Amino acid sequence: MPRSSARGTRTSVPEVEVLALMPHALWLCVRGREYMLDYATFPWFADASIGEARQVELRFDHLYWPALDVDLHLESLSDPARFPLMARSKPRGRAARR
């Protein structure tokens, strides 16, 4: 007789998952592939909280962070040089209130 998975065992892998928010980069896993988004290339995440970074949605071929108002095409993760037109990051925190 087949047995069910052990209680608490994941049966499916999320399509997008934040693996880590490091001092120099955000690590993501999208559809089983890992990406490192360094802050020099992806400045929107440099001052993000882990809560803001974890609120990511996969929408067809785009990733969207509603709390950060960031929308990235999946191809820009693996080949950022093909997407040279990038918006400037908005100042956040105290600098934004001055």
PDB file of N, CA and C in Angstrom:
ATOM      1  N   MET A   1       0.846  -1.178   0.000  1.00  0.00           N
ATOM      2  CA  MET A   1       0.000   0.000   0.000  1.00  0.00           C
ATOM      3  C   MET A   1       0.892   1.242   0.000  1.00  0.00           C
ATOM      4  N   PRO A   2       0.662   2.231  -0.914  1.00  0.00           N
ATOM      5  CA  PRO A   2       1.482   3.441  -0.961  1.00  0.00           C
ATOM      6  C   PRO A   2       1.299   4.255   0.307  1.00  0.00           C
ATOM      7  N   ARG A   3       2.378   4.909   0.699  1.00  0.00           N
ATOM      8  CA  ARG A   3       2.344   5.724   1.909  1.00  0.00           C
ATOM      9  C   ARG A   3       2.380   7.197   1.528  1.00  0.00           C
ATOM     10  N   SER A   4       1.743   7.994   2.334  1.00  0.00           N
ATOM     11  CA  SER A   4       1.771   9.440   2.147  1.00  0.00           C
ATOM     12  C   SER A   4       3.110   9.979   2.616  1.00  0.00           C
ATOM     13  N   SER A   5       3.406  11.194   2.196  1.00  0.00           N
ATOM     14  CA  SER A   5       4.621  11.859   2.668  1.00  0.00           C
ATOM     15  C   SER A   5       4.529  12.066   4.167  1.00  0.00           C
ATOM     16  N   ALA A   6       5.684  12.144   4.776  1.00  0.00           N
ATOM     17  CA  ALA A   6       5.717  12.410   6.212  1.00  0.00           C
ATOM     18  C   ALA A   6       5.075  13.761   6.493  1.00  0.00           C
ATOM     19  N   ARG A   7       4.453  13.867   7.641  1.00  0.00           N
ATOM     20  CA  ARG A   7       3.790  15.107   8.026  1.00  0.00           C
ATOM     21  C   ARG A   7       4.791  16.258   8.003  1.00  0.00           C
ATOM     22  N   GLY A   8       4.400  17.377   7.365  1.00  0.00           N
ATOM     23  CA  GLY A   8       5.267  18.548   7.306  1.00  0.00           C
ATOM     24  C   GLY A   8       6.248  18.540   6.153  1.00  0.00           C
ATOM     25  N   THR A   9       6.291  17.473   5.377  1.00  0.00           N
ATOM     26  CA  THR A   9       7.201  17.396   4.246  1.00  0.00           C
ATOM     27  C   THR A   9       6.615  18.167   3.069  1.00  0.00           C
ATOM     28  N   ARG A  10       7.443  18.988   2.431  1.00  0.00           N
ATOM     29  CA  ARG A  10       6.991  19.722   1.244  1.00  0.00           C
ATOM     30  C   ARG A  10       6.754  18.769   0.096  1.00  0.00           C
ATOM     31  N   THR A  11       5.628  18.949  -0.556  1.00  0.00           N
ATOM     32  CA  THR A  11       5.335  18.104  -1.714  1.00  0.00           C
ATOM     33  C   THR A  11       5.515  18.859  -3.015  1.00  0.00           C
ATOM     34  N   SER A  12       5.605  20.184  -2.937  1.00  0.00           N
ATOM     35  CA  SER A  12       5.836  20.968  -4.143  1.00  0.00           C
ATOM     36  C   SER A  12       6.831  22.080  -3.830  1.00  0.00           C
ATOM     37  N   VAL A  13       7.536  22.491  -4.839  1.00  0.00           N
ATOM     38  CA  VAL A  13       8.526  23.549  -4.700  1.00  0.00           C
ATOM     39  C   VAL A  13       7.901  24.845  -5.191  1.00  0.00           C
ATOM     40  N   PRO A  14       8.027  25.946  -4.418  1.00  0.00           N
ATOM     41  CA  PRO A  14       7.452  27.208  -4.908  1.00  0.00           C
ATOM     42  C   PRO A  14       8.149  27.655  -6.185  1.00  0.00           C
ATOM     43  N   GLU A  15       7.409  28.355  -7.039  1.00  0.00           N
ATOM     44  CA  GLU A  15       7.995  28.826  -8.289  1.00  0.00           C
ATOM     45  C   GLU A  15       9.023  29.916  -8.065  1.00  0.00           C
ATOM     46  N   VAL A  16       8.851  30.712  -7.013  1.00  0.00           N
ATOM     47  CA  VAL A  16       9.825  31.748  -6.679  1.00  0.00           C
ATOM     48  C   VAL A  16       9.997  31.772  -5.166  1.00  0.00           C
ATOM     49  N   GLU A  17      11.264  31.843  -4.746  1.00  0.00           N
ATOM     50  CA  GLU A  17      11.577  31.845  -3.323  1.00  0.00           C
ATOM     51  C   GLU A  17      12.818  32.698  -3.077  1.00  0.00           C
ATOM     52  N   VAL A  18      12.753  33.545  -2.066  1.00  0.00           N
ATOM     53  CA  VAL A  18      13.925  34.313  -1.655  1.00  0.00           C
ATOM     54  C   VAL A  18      14.750  33.402  -0.760  1.00  0.00           C
ATOM     55  N   LEU A  19      15.982  33.146  -1.168  1.00  0.00           N
ATOM     56  CA  LEU A  19      16.855  32.263  -0.412  1.00  0.00           C
ATOM     57  C   LEU A  19      17.618  33.010   0.663  1.00  0.00           C
ATOM     58  N   ALA A  20      18.065  34.240   0.359  1.00  0.00           N
ATOM     59  CA  ALA A  20      18.838  35.015   1.329  1.00  0.00           C
ATOM     60  C   ALA A  20      18.890  36.474   0.913  1.00  0.00           C
ATOM     61  N   LEU A  21      18.976  37.329   1.909  1.00  0.00           N
ATOM     62  CA  LEU A  21      19.202  38.752   1.699  1.00  0.00           C
ATOM     63  C   LEU A  21      20.545  39.040   2.359  1.00  0.00           C
ATOM     64  N   MET A  22      21.579  39.155   1.544  1.00  0.00           N
ATOM     65  CA  MET A  22      22.950  39.292   2.021  1.00  0.00           C
ATOM     66  C   MET A  22      23.370  40.760   2.000  1.00  0.00           C
ATOM     67  N   PRO A  23      24.500  41.105   2.618  1.00  0.00           N
ATOM     68  CA  PRO A  23      24.958  42.496   2.594  1.00  0.00           C
ATOM     69  C   PRO A  23      25.257  43.027   1.191  1.00  0.00           C
ATOM     70  N   HIS A  24      25.517  42.145   0.224  1.00  0.00           N
ATOM     71  CA  HIS A  24      25.888  42.573  -1.130  1.00  0.00           C
ATOM     72  C   HIS A  24      24.911  42.132  -2.222  1.00  0.00           C
ATOM     73  N   ALA A  25      23.949  41.259  -1.882  1.00  0.00           N
ATOM     74  CA  ALA A  25      23.079  40.713  -2.925  1.00  0.00           C
ATOM     75  C   ALA A  25      21.842  40.036  -2.347  1.00  0.00           C
ATOM     76  N   LEU A  26      20.855  39.892  -3.214  1.00  0.00           N
ATOM     77  CA  LEU A  26      19.648  39.126  -2.926  1.00  0.00           C
ATOM     78  C   LEU A  26      19.758  37.819  -3.700  1.00  0.00           C
ATOM     79  N   TRP A  27      19.541  36.696  -3.028  1.00  0.00           N
ATOM     80  CA  TRP A  27      19.576  35.389  -3.688  1.00  0.00           C
ATOM     81  C   TRP A  27      18.153  34.890  -3.876  1.00  0.00           C
ATOM     82  N   LEU A  28      17.825  34.487  -5.096  1.00  0.00           N
ATOM     83  CA  LEU A  28      16.500  33.985  -5.446  1.00  0.00           C
ATOM     84  C   LEU A  28      16.590  32.612  -6.083  1.00  0.00           C
ATOM     85  N   CYS A  29      15.534  31.861  -5.938  1.00  0.00           N
ATOM     86  CA  CYS A  29      15.368  30.632  -6.700  1.00  0.00           C
ATOM     87  C   CYS A  29      14.055  30.784  -7.462  1.00  0.00           C
ATOM     88  N   VAL A  30      14.139  30.761  -8.785  1.00  0.00           N
ATOM     89  CA  VAL A  30      12.967  30.914  -9.647  1.00  0.00           C
ATOM     90  C   VAL A  30      12.867  29.681 -10.537  1.00  0.00           C
ATOM     91  N   ARG A  31      11.764  28.967 -10.371  1.00  0.00           N
ATOM     92  CA  ARG A  31      11.529  27.747 -11.161  1.00  0.00           C
ATOM     93  C   ARG A  31      12.716  26.801 -11.119  1.00  0.00           C
ATOM     94  N   GLY A  32      13.310  26.656  -9.932  1.00  0.00           N
ATOM     95  CA  GLY A  32      14.408  25.719  -9.730  1.00  0.00           C
ATOM     96  C   GLY A  32      15.780  26.246 -10.101  1.00  0.00           C
ATOM     97  N   ARG A  33      15.884  27.482 -10.554  1.00  0.00           N
ATOM     98  CA  ARG A  33      17.176  28.066 -10.939  1.00  0.00           C
ATOM     99  C   ARG A  33      17.529  29.191  -9.973  1.00  0.00           C
ATOM    100  N   GLU A  34      18.764  29.195  -9.485  1.00  0.00           N
ATOM    101  CA  GLU A  34      19.201  30.214  -8.534  1.00  0.00           C
ATOM    102  C   GLU A  34      19.803  31.424  -9.235  1.00  0.00           C
ATOM    103  N   TYR A  35      19.523  32.601  -8.667  1.00  0.00           N
ATOM    104  CA  TYR A  35      20.040  33.863  -9.193  1.00  0.00           C
ATOM    105  C   TYR A  35      20.587  34.699  -8.040  1.00  0.00           C
ATOM    106  N   MET A  36      21.689  35.392  -8.301  1.00  0.00           N
ATOM    107  CA  MET A  36      22.224  36.358  -7.363  1.00  0.00           C
ATOM    108  C   MET A  36      22.006  37.745  -7.962  1.00  0.00           C
ATOM    109  N   LEU A  37      21.243  38.577  -7.284  1.00  0.00           N
ATOM    110  CA  LEU A  37      20.972  39.928  -7.745  1.00  0.00           C
ATOM    111  C   LEU A  37      21.830  40.881  -6.910  1.00  0.00           C
ATOM    112  N   ASP A  38      23.005  41.234  -7.445  1.00  0.00           N
ATOM    113  CA  ASP A  38      23.903  42.117  -6.705  1.00  0.00           C
ATOM    114  C   ASP A  38      23.338  43.530  -6.709  1.00  0.00           C
ATOM    115  N   TYR A  39      23.603  44.257  -5.634  1.00  0.00           N
ATOM    116  CA  TYR A  39      23.013  45.581  -5.469  1.00  0.00           C
ATOM    117  C   TYR A  39      23.581  46.617  -6.433  1.00  0.00           C
ATOM    118  N   ALA A  40      24.750  46.384  -6.986  1.00  0.00           N
ATOM    119  CA  ALA A  40      25.297  47.308  -7.981  1.00  0.00           C
ATOM    120  C   ALA A  40      24.445  47.286  -9.248  1.00  0.00           C
ATOM    121  N   THR A  41      23.940  46.122  -9.608  1.00  0.00           N
ATOM    122  CA  THR A  41      23.118  45.964 -10.798  1.00  0.00           C
ATOM    123  C   THR A  41      21.631  46.118 -10.492  1.00  0.00           C
ATOM    124  N   PHE A  42      21.219  45.687  -9.301  1.00  0.00           N
ATOM    125  CA  PHE A  42      19.821  45.725  -8.874  1.00  0.00           C
ATOM    126  C   PHE A  42      19.715  46.522  -7.573  1.00  0.00           C
ATOM    127  N   PRO A  43      19.849  47.853  -7.638  1.00  0.00           N
ATOM    128  CA  PRO A  43      19.954  48.690  -6.429  1.00  0.00           C
ATOM    129  C   PRO A  43      18.694  48.749  -5.574  1.00  0.00           C
ATOM    130  N   TRP A  44      17.559  48.343  -6.098  1.00  0.00           N
ATOM    131  CA  TRP A  44      16.297  48.442  -5.373  1.00  0.00           C
ATOM    132  C   TRP A  44      16.266  47.582  -4.121  1.00  0.00           C
ATOM    133  N   PHE A  45      17.136  46.596  -4.046  1.00  0.00           N
ATOM    134  CA  PHE A  45      17.110  45.664  -2.920  1.00  0.00           C
ATOM    135  C   PHE A  45      18.132  45.994  -1.832  1.00  0.00           C
ATOM    136  N   ALA A  46      18.979  46.975  -2.067  1.00  0.00           N
ATOM    137  CA  ALA A  46      20.066  47.295  -1.127  1.00  0.00           C
ATOM    138  C   ALA A  46      19.547  47.662   0.256  1.00  0.00           C
ATOM    139  N   ASP A  47      18.455  48.397   0.328  1.00  0.00           N
ATOM    140  CA  ASP A  47      17.912  48.816   1.618  1.00  0.00           C
ATOM    141  C   ASP A  47      16.600  48.119   1.967  1.00  0.00           C
ATOM    142  N   ALA A  48      16.266  47.081   1.232  1.00  0.00           N
ATOM    143  CA  ALA A  48      15.011  46.368   1.473  1.00  0.00           C
ATOM    144  C   ALA A  48      15.092  45.540   2.748  1.00  0.00           C
ATOM    145  N   SER A  49      13.972  45.462   3.438  1.00  0.00           N
ATOM    146  CA  SER A  49      13.891  44.563   4.593  1.00  0.00           C
ATOM    147  C   SER A  49      13.638  43.150   4.066  1.00  0.00           C
ATOM    148  N   ILE A  50      13.867  42.168   4.914  1.00  0.00           N
ATOM    149  CA  ILE A  50      13.622  40.792   4.487  1.00  0.00           C
ATOM    150  C   ILE A  50      12.138  40.594   4.192  1.00  0.00           C
ATOM    151  N   GLY A  51      11.274  41.270   4.947  1.00  0.00           N
ATOM    152  CA  GLY A  51       9.835  41.181   4.692  1.00  0.00           C
ATOM    153  C   GLY A  51       9.463  41.721   3.326  1.00  0.00           C
ATOM    154  N   GLU A  52      10.056  42.863   2.945  1.00  0.00           N
ATOM    155  CA  GLU A  52       9.784  43.436   1.627  1.00  0.00           C
ATOM    156  C   GLU A  52      10.325  42.545   0.521  1.00  0.00           C
ATOM    157  N   ALA A  53      11.512  42.005   0.706  1.00  0.00           N
ATOM    158  CA  ALA A  53      12.135  41.157  -0.315  1.00  0.00           C
ATOM    159  C   ALA A  53      11.372  39.846  -0.503  1.00  0.00           C
ATOM    160  N   ARG A  54      10.828  39.309   0.581  1.00  0.00           N
ATOM    161  CA  ARG A  54      10.129  38.025   0.496  1.00  0.00           C
ATOM    162  C   ARG A  54       8.758  38.133  -0.158  1.00  0.00           C
ATOM    163  N   GLN A  55       8.211  39.329  -0.251  1.00  0.00           N
ATOM    164  CA  GLN A  55       6.904  39.519  -0.887  1.00  0.00           C
ATOM    165  C   GLN A  55       7.078  39.647  -2.398  1.00  0.00           C
ATOM    166  N   VAL A  56       7.442  38.565  -3.016  1.00  0.00           N
ATOM    167  CA  VAL A  56       7.673  38.566  -4.465  1.00  0.00           C
ATOM    168  C   VAL A  56       6.635  37.683  -5.134  1.00  0.00           C
ATOM    169  N   GLU A  57       6.165  38.135  -6.282  1.00  0.00           N
ATOM    170  CA  GLU A  57       5.166  37.395  -7.061  1.00  0.00           C
ATOM    171  C   GLU A  57       5.736  37.102  -8.439  1.00  0.00           C
ATOM    172  N   LEU A  58       5.488  35.910  -8.922  1.00  0.00           N
ATOM    173  CA  LEU A  58       5.867  35.547 -10.287  1.00  0.00           C
ATOM    174  C   LEU A  58       4.649  35.742 -11.168  1.00  0.00           C
ATOM    175  N   ARG A  59       4.774  36.649 -12.135  1.00  0.00           N
ATOM    176  CA  ARG A  59       3.679  36.958 -13.053  1.00  0.00           C
ATOM    177  C   ARG A  59       4.159  36.682 -14.469  1.00  0.00           C
ATOM    178  N   PHE A  60       3.810  35.524 -14.976  1.00  0.00           N
ATOM    179  CA  PHE A  60       4.235  35.065 -16.301  1.00  0.00           C
ATOM    180  C   PHE A  60       5.755  35.092 -16.383  1.00  0.00           C
ATOM    181  N   ASP A  61       6.346  36.057 -17.061  1.00  0.00           N
ATOM    182  CA  ASP A  61       7.805  36.108 -17.197  1.00  0.00           C
ATOM    183  C   ASP A  61       8.405  37.299 -16.443  1.00  0.00           C
ATOM    184  N   HIS A  62       7.682  37.785 -15.428  1.00  0.00           N
ATOM    185  CA  HIS A  62       8.157  38.898 -14.607  1.00  0.00           C
ATOM    186  C   HIS A  62       8.086  38.545 -13.128  1.00  0.00           C
ATOM    187  N   LEU A  63       9.000  39.113 -12.372  1.00  0.00           N
ATOM    188  CA  LEU A  63       8.931  39.068 -10.915  1.00  0.00           C
ATOM    189  C   LEU A  63       8.484  40.440 -10.450  1.00  0.00           C
ATOM    190  N   TYR A  64       7.598  40.474  -9.462  1.00  0.00           N
ATOM    191  CA  TYR A  64       7.081  41.745  -8.974  1.00  0.00           C
ATOM    192  C   TYR A  64       7.132  41.772  -7.448  1.00  0.00           C
ATOM    193  N   TRP A  65       7.713  42.846  -6.922  1.00  0.00           N
ATOM    194  CA  TRP A  65       7.775  43.098  -5.488  1.00  0.00           C
ATOM    195  C   TRP A  65       6.858  44.286  -5.188  1.00  0.00           C
ATOM    196  N   PRO A  66       5.623  44.047  -4.742  1.00  0.00           N
ATOM    197  CA  PRO A  66       4.684  45.149  -4.523  1.00  0.00           C
ATOM    198  C   PRO A  66       5.164  46.164  -3.488  1.00  0.00           C
ATOM    199  N   ALA A  67       5.757  45.727  -2.402  1.00  0.00           N
ATOM    200  CA  ALA A  67       6.203  46.643  -1.350  1.00  0.00           C
ATOM    201  C   ALA A  67       7.330  47.554  -1.828  1.00  0.00           C
ATOM    202  N   LEU A  68       8.095  47.104  -2.812  1.00  0.00           N
ATOM    203  CA  LEU A  68       9.220  47.881  -3.332  1.00  0.00           C
ATOM    204  C   LEU A  68       8.896  48.549  -4.666  1.00  0.00           C
ATOM    205  N   ASP A  69       7.757  48.205  -5.253  1.00  0.00           N
ATOM    206  CA  ASP A  69       7.357  48.679  -6.578  1.00  0.00           C
ATOM    207  C   ASP A  69       8.446  48.380  -7.611  1.00  0.00           C
ATOM    208  N   VAL A  70       8.910  47.127  -7.597  1.00  0.00           N
ATOM    209  CA  VAL A  70       9.956  46.663  -8.519  1.00  0.00           C
ATOM    210  C   VAL A  70       9.373  45.553  -9.382  1.00  0.00           C
ATOM    211  N   ASP A  71       9.601  45.660 -10.683  1.00  0.00           N
ATOM    212  CA  ASP A  71       9.133  44.688 -11.660  1.00  0.00           C
ATOM    213  C   ASP A  71      10.321  44.323 -12.544  1.00  0.00           C
ATOM    214  N   LEU A  72      10.732  43.054 -12.542  1.00  0.00           N
ATOM    215  CA  LEU A  72      11.886  42.617 -13.330  1.00  0.00           C
ATOM    216  C   LEU A  72      11.506  41.481 -14.265  1.00  0.00           C
ATOM    217  N   HIS A  73      11.940  41.573 -15.495  1.00  0.00           N
ATOM    218  CA  HIS A  73      11.766  40.484 -16.453  1.00  0.00           C
ATOM    219  C   HIS A  73      12.732  39.368 -16.076  1.00  0.00           C
ATOM    220  N   LEU A  74      12.309  38.132 -16.184  1.00  0.00           N
ATOM    221  CA  LEU A  74      13.173  37.003 -15.810  1.00  0.00           C
ATOM    222  C   LEU A  74      14.484  36.995 -16.582  1.00  0.00           C
ATOM    223  N   GLU A  75      14.448  37.385 -17.856  1.00  0.00           N
ATOM    224  CA  GLU A  75      15.686  37.393 -18.644  1.00  0.00           C
ATOM    225  C   GLU A  75      16.705  38.384 -18.100  1.00  0.00           C
ATOM    226  N   SER A  76      16.241  39.441 -17.434  1.00  0.00           N
ATOM    227  CA  SER A  76      17.182  40.422 -16.892  1.00  0.00           C
ATOM    228  C   SER A  76      17.982  39.854 -15.726  1.00  0.00           C
ATOM    229  N   LEU A  77      17.530  38.773 -15.129  1.00  0.00           N
ATOM    230  CA  LEU A  77      18.271  38.159 -14.030  1.00  0.00           C
ATOM    231  C   LEU A  77      19.503  37.421 -14.532  1.00  0.00           C
ATOM    232  N   SER A  78      19.356  36.737 -15.652  1.00  0.00           N
ATOM    233  CA  SER A  78      20.477  35.960 -16.172  1.00  0.00           C
ATOM    234  C   SER A  78      21.363  36.756 -17.120  1.00  0.00           C
ATOM    235  N   ASP A  79      20.828  37.829 -17.715  1.00  0.00           N
ATOM    236  CA  ASP A  79      21.614  38.618 -18.664  1.00  0.00           C
ATOM    237  C   ASP A  79      21.285  40.105 -18.507  1.00  0.00           C
ATOM    238  N   PRO A  80      21.713  40.730 -17.377  1.00  0.00           N
ATOM    239  CA  PRO A  80      21.365  42.128 -17.134  1.00  0.00           C
ATOM    240  C   PRO A  80      21.903  43.092 -18.189  1.00  0.00           C
ATOM    241  N   ALA A  81      22.955  42.731 -18.886  1.00  0.00           N
ATOM    242  CA  ALA A  81      23.523  43.614 -19.908  1.00  0.00           C
ATOM    243  C   ALA A  81      22.545  43.850 -21.067  1.00  0.00           C
ATOM    244  N   ARG A  82      21.641  42.924 -21.294  1.00  0.00           N
ATOM    245  CA  ARG A  82      20.638  43.080 -22.356  1.00  0.00           C
ATOM    246  C   ARG A  82      19.542  44.073 -21.984  1.00  0.00           C
ATOM    247  N   PHE A  83      19.507  44.478 -20.715  1.00  0.00           N
ATOM    248  CA  PHE A  83      18.468  45.376 -20.220  1.00  0.00           C
ATOM    249  C   PHE A  83      19.113  46.613 -19.593  1.00  0.00           C
ATOM    250  N   PRO A  84      19.765  47.452 -20.425  1.00  0.00           N
ATOM    251  CA  PRO A  84      20.527  48.576 -19.876  1.00  0.00           C
ATOM    252  C   PRO A  84      19.680  49.720 -19.330  1.00  0.00           C
ATOM    253  N   LEU A  85      18.446  49.843 -19.760  1.00  0.00           N
ATOM    254  CA  LEU A  85      17.610  50.938 -19.285  1.00  0.00           C
ATOM    255  C   LEU A  85      16.958  50.545 -17.975  1.00  0.00           C
ATOM    256  N   MET A  86      17.519  51.042 -16.891  1.00  0.00           N
ATOM    257  CA  MET A  86      17.003  50.717 -15.569  1.00  0.00           C
ATOM    258  C   MET A  86      16.659  52.006 -14.850  1.00  0.00           C
ATOM    259  N   ALA A  87      15.583  51.976 -14.106  1.00  0.00           N
ATOM    260  CA  ALA A  87      15.184  53.142 -13.332  1.00  0.00           C
ATOM    261  C   ALA A  87      16.147  53.344 -12.170  1.00  0.00           C
ATOM    262  N   ARG A  88      16.276  54.580 -11.767  1.00  0.00           N
ATOM    263  CA  ARG A  88      17.097  54.867 -10.594  1.00  0.00           C
ATOM    264  C   ARG A  88      16.315  54.473  -9.350  1.00  0.00           C
ATOM    265  N   SER A  89      17.040  54.003  -8.350  1.00  0.00           N
ATOM    266  CA  SER A  89      16.364  53.644  -7.112  1.00  0.00           C
ATOM    267  C   SER A  89      15.979  54.918  -6.372  1.00  0.00           C
ATOM    268  N   LYS A  90      14.830  54.876  -5.717  1.00  0.00           N
ATOM    269  CA  LYS A  90      14.368  56.010  -4.933  1.00  0.00           C
ATOM    270  C   LYS A  90      15.048  55.970  -3.570  1.00  0.00           C
ATOM    271  N   PRO A  91      15.426  57.132  -3.018  1.00  0.00           N
ATOM    272  CA  PRO A  91      15.978  57.113  -1.670  1.00  0.00           C
ATOM    273  C   PRO A  91      14.911  56.646  -0.699  1.00  0.00           C
ATOM    274  N   ARG A  92      15.330  55.876   0.291  1.00  0.00           N
ATOM    275  CA  ARG A  92      14.389  55.341   1.270  1.00  0.00           C
ATOM    276  C   ARG A  92      14.834  55.763   2.655  1.00  0.00           C
ATOM    277  N   GLY A  93      13.951  55.638   3.582  1.00  0.00           N
ATOM    278  CA  GLY A  93      14.291  55.934   4.963  1.00  0.00           C
ATOM    279  C   GLY A  93      14.418  57.423   5.217  1.00  0.00           C
ATOM    280  N   ARG A  94      15.356  57.824   6.055  1.00  0.00           N
ATOM    281  CA  ARG A  94      15.526  59.219   6.441  1.00  0.00           C
ATOM    282  C   ARG A  94      15.875  60.124   5.253  1.00  0.00           C
ATOM    283  N   ALA A  95      16.699  59.626   4.352  1.00  0.00           N
ATOM    284  CA  ALA A  95      17.096  60.426   3.193  1.00  0.00           C
ATOM    285  C   ALA A  95      15.893  60.806   2.338  1.00  0.00           C
ATOM    286  N   ALA A  96      14.885  59.959   2.275  1.00  0.00           N
ATOM    287  CA  ALA A  96      13.692  60.229   1.472  1.00  0.00           C
ATOM    288  C   ALA A  96      12.823  61.298   2.093  1.00  0.00           C
ATOM    289  N   ARG A  97      12.910  61.485   3.413  1.00  0.00           N
ATOM    290  CA  ARG A  97      12.054  62.438   4.102  1.00  0.00           C
ATOM    291  C   ARG A  97      12.646  63.848   4.170  1.00  0.00           C
ATOM    292  N   ARG A  98      13.855  64.031   3.746  1.00  0.00           N
ATOM    293  CA  ARG A  98      14.505  65.341   3.815  1.00  0.00           C
ATOM    294  C   ARG A  98      14.003  66.286   2.782  1.00  0.00           C
TER     295      ARG A  98
END
